[in-house]
Amino acid sequence: MARTFVVAAHNIVIIPIVFAFFHVGVNANILWLALGISLIIVNAFWFGFFLAIVCARFHDVPQIVTSIMQVVFFINYHNEAFPC
């Protein structure tokens, strides 16, 4: 967890540099970005915490979650690789 946070902190430093290089101005949409990312992080934390509790109680859930994640990644990859 700490290693991921350090990598994310280093990547956040790069974003203003890229914005300055491509002459992207700060407007209301970019300011909404911080709120949106924070909501995604809070939601992911809540869902991960809930899933951890369920997986600790029911020992067959991790295998179900793994299988579902594999199917979701396959469907996502399949749709991007072969657009209709």
C-alpha atoms as a PDB file:
ATOM      1  CA  MET A   1       0.000   0.000   0.000  1.00  0.00           C
ATOM      2  CA  ALA A   2       2.749   2.447   0.893  1.00  0.00           C
ATOM      3  CA  ARG A   3       4.692   1.617  -2.254  1.00  0.00           C
ATOM      4  CA  THR A   4       1.627   2.317  -4.398  1.00  0.00           C
ATOM      5  CA  PHE A   5       1.092   5.634  -2.608  1.00  0.00           C
ATOM      6  CA  VAL A   6       4.703   6.661  -3.270  1.00  0.00           C
ATOM      7  CA  VAL A   7       4.375   5.803  -6.969  1.00  0.00           C
ATOM      8  CA  ALA A   8       1.096   7.757  -7.192  1.00  0.00           C
ATOM      9  CA  ALA A   9       2.690  10.752  -5.454  1.00  0.00           C
ATOM     10  CA  HIS A  10       5.526  10.754  -7.975  1.00  0.00           C
ATOM     11  CA  ASN A  11       3.053  10.542 -10.871  1.00  0.00           C
ATOM     12  CA  ILE A  12       0.980  13.439  -9.496  1.00  0.00           C
ATOM     13  CA  VAL A  13       4.072  15.646  -9.718  1.00  0.00           C
ATOM     14  CA  ILE A  14       4.327  14.907 -13.445  1.00  0.00           C
ATOM     15  CA  ILE A  15       0.764  16.024 -14.281  1.00  0.00           C
ATOM     16  CA  PRO A  16       1.368  19.824 -13.926  1.00  0.00           C
ATOM     17  CA  ILE A  17       4.523  19.483 -16.014  1.00  0.00           C
ATOM     18  CA  VAL A  18       2.581  17.772 -18.808  1.00  0.00           C
ATOM     19  CA  PHE A  19      -0.189  20.388 -18.551  1.00  0.00           C
ATOM     20  CA  ALA A  20       2.377  23.183 -18.862  1.00  0.00           C
ATOM     21  CA  PHE A  21       4.077  21.495 -21.812  1.00  0.00           C
ATOM     22  CA  PHE A  22       0.822  21.092 -23.740  1.00  0.00           C
ATOM     23  CA  HIS A  23      -0.525  24.530 -22.670  1.00  0.00           C
ATOM     24  CA  VAL A  24      -3.568  23.182 -20.854  1.00  0.00           C
ATOM     25  CA  GLY A  25      -5.201  25.923 -18.810  1.00  0.00           C
ATOM     26  CA  VAL A  26      -6.756  25.443 -15.403  1.00  0.00           C
ATOM     27  CA  ASN A  27     -10.525  25.632 -15.646  1.00  0.00           C
ATOM     28  CA  ALA A  28     -13.531  24.302 -13.757  1.00  0.00           C
ATOM     29  CA  ASN A  29     -13.261  20.850 -15.329  1.00  0.00           C
ATOM     30  CA  ILE A  30      -9.731  20.326 -14.047  1.00  0.00           C
ATOM     31  CA  LEU A  31     -10.781  21.500 -10.603  1.00  0.00           C
ATOM     32  CA  TRP A  32     -13.587  18.911 -10.632  1.00  0.00           C
ATOM     33  CA  LEU A  33     -10.919  16.291 -11.368  1.00  0.00           C
ATOM     34  CA  ALA A  34      -9.648  16.329  -7.775  1.00  0.00           C
ATOM     35  CA  LEU A  35     -13.152  15.762  -6.430  1.00  0.00           C
ATOM     36  CA  GLY A  36     -13.842  12.969  -8.906  1.00  0.00           C
ATOM     37  CA  ILE A  37     -10.588  11.140  -8.176  1.00  0.00           C
ATOM     38  CA  SER A  38     -11.130  11.432  -4.432  1.00  0.00           C
ATOM     39  CA  LEU A  39     -14.647   9.996  -4.773  1.00  0.00           C
ATOM     40  CA  ILE A  40     -13.313   7.089  -6.824  1.00  0.00           C
ATOM     41  CA  ILE A  41     -10.638   6.396  -4.190  1.00  0.00           C
ATOM     42  CA  VAL A  42     -13.149   6.513  -1.320  1.00  0.00           C
ATOM     43  CA  ASN A  43     -15.550   4.239  -3.211  1.00  0.00           C
ATOM     44  CA  ALA A  44     -12.776   1.757  -4.080  1.00  0.00           C
ATOM     45  CA  PHE A  45     -11.624   1.701  -0.454  1.00  0.00           C
ATOM     46  CA  TRP A  46     -15.152   1.091   0.805  1.00  0.00           C
ATOM     47  CA  PHE A  47     -15.774  -1.688  -1.721  1.00  0.00           C
ATOM     48  CA  GLY A  48     -12.406  -3.327  -0.990  1.00  0.00           C
ATOM     49  CA  PHE A  49     -13.061  -3.179   2.748  1.00  0.00           C
ATOM     50  CA  PHE A  50     -16.519  -4.716   2.306  1.00  0.00           C
ATOM     51  CA  LEU A  51     -15.158  -7.410   0.012  1.00  0.00           C
ATOM     52  CA  ALA A  52     -12.393  -8.227   2.507  1.00  0.00           C
ATOM     53  CA  ILE A  53     -14.962  -8.736   5.260  1.00  0.00           C
ATOM     54  CA  VAL A  54     -17.086 -10.983   3.048  1.00  0.00           C
ATOM     55  CA  CYS A  55     -14.020 -12.973   1.906  1.00  0.00           C
ATOM     56  CA  ALA A  56     -12.902 -13.467   5.506  1.00  0.00           C
ATOM     57  CA  ARG A  57     -16.315 -14.795   6.496  1.00  0.00           C
ATOM     58  CA  PHE A  58     -16.988 -16.968   3.450  1.00  0.00           C
ATOM     59  CA  HIS A  59     -13.845 -18.757   2.295  1.00  0.00           C
ATOM     60  CA  ASP A  60     -15.109 -19.579  -1.190  1.00  0.00           C
ATOM     61  CA  VAL A  61     -15.701 -15.936  -2.161  1.00  0.00           C
ATOM     62  CA  PRO A  62     -12.045 -15.180  -3.161  1.00  0.00           C
ATOM     63  CA  GLN A  63     -12.225 -17.858  -5.876  1.00  0.00           C
ATOM     64  CA  ILE A  64     -15.539 -16.416  -7.104  1.00  0.00           C
ATOM     65  CA  VAL A  65     -14.096 -12.894  -7.154  1.00  0.00           C
ATOM     66  CA  THR A  66     -11.021 -14.107  -9.048  1.00  0.00           C
ATOM     67  CA  SER A  67     -13.172 -15.863 -11.641  1.00  0.00           C
ATOM     68  CA  ILE A  68     -15.436 -12.839 -12.090  1.00  0.00           C
ATOM     69  CA  MET A  69     -12.439 -10.507 -12.472  1.00  0.00           C
ATOM     70  CA  GLN A  70     -10.934 -12.752 -15.150  1.00  0.00           C
ATOM     71  CA  VAL A  71     -14.205 -12.760 -17.097  1.00  0.00           C
ATOM     72  CA  VAL A  72     -14.572  -8.971 -16.769  1.00  0.00           C
ATOM     73  CA  PHE A  73     -11.012  -8.380 -17.995  1.00  0.00           C
ATOM     74  CA  PHE A  74     -11.565 -10.770 -20.895  1.00  0.00           C
ATOM     75  CA  ILE A  75     -14.791  -9.022 -21.924  1.00  0.00           C
ATOM     76  CA  ASN A  76     -13.106  -5.625 -21.640  1.00  0.00           C
ATOM     77  CA  TYR A  77     -10.102  -6.738 -23.688  1.00  0.00           C
ATOM     78  CA  HIS A  78     -12.314  -8.440 -26.255  1.00  0.00           C
ATOM     79  CA  ASN A  79     -14.392  -5.275 -26.802  1.00  0.00           C
ATOM     80  CA  GLU A  80     -11.338  -3.052 -27.247  1.00  0.00           C
ATOM     81  CA  ALA A  81      -9.478  -5.487 -29.483  1.00  0.00           C
ATOM     82  CA  PHE A  82     -12.375  -6.111 -31.845  1.00  0.00           C
ATOM     83  CA  PRO A  83     -14.648  -3.063 -32.067  1.00  0.00           C
ATOM     84  CA  CYS A  84     -18.013  -3.531 -33.746  1.00  0.00           C
END
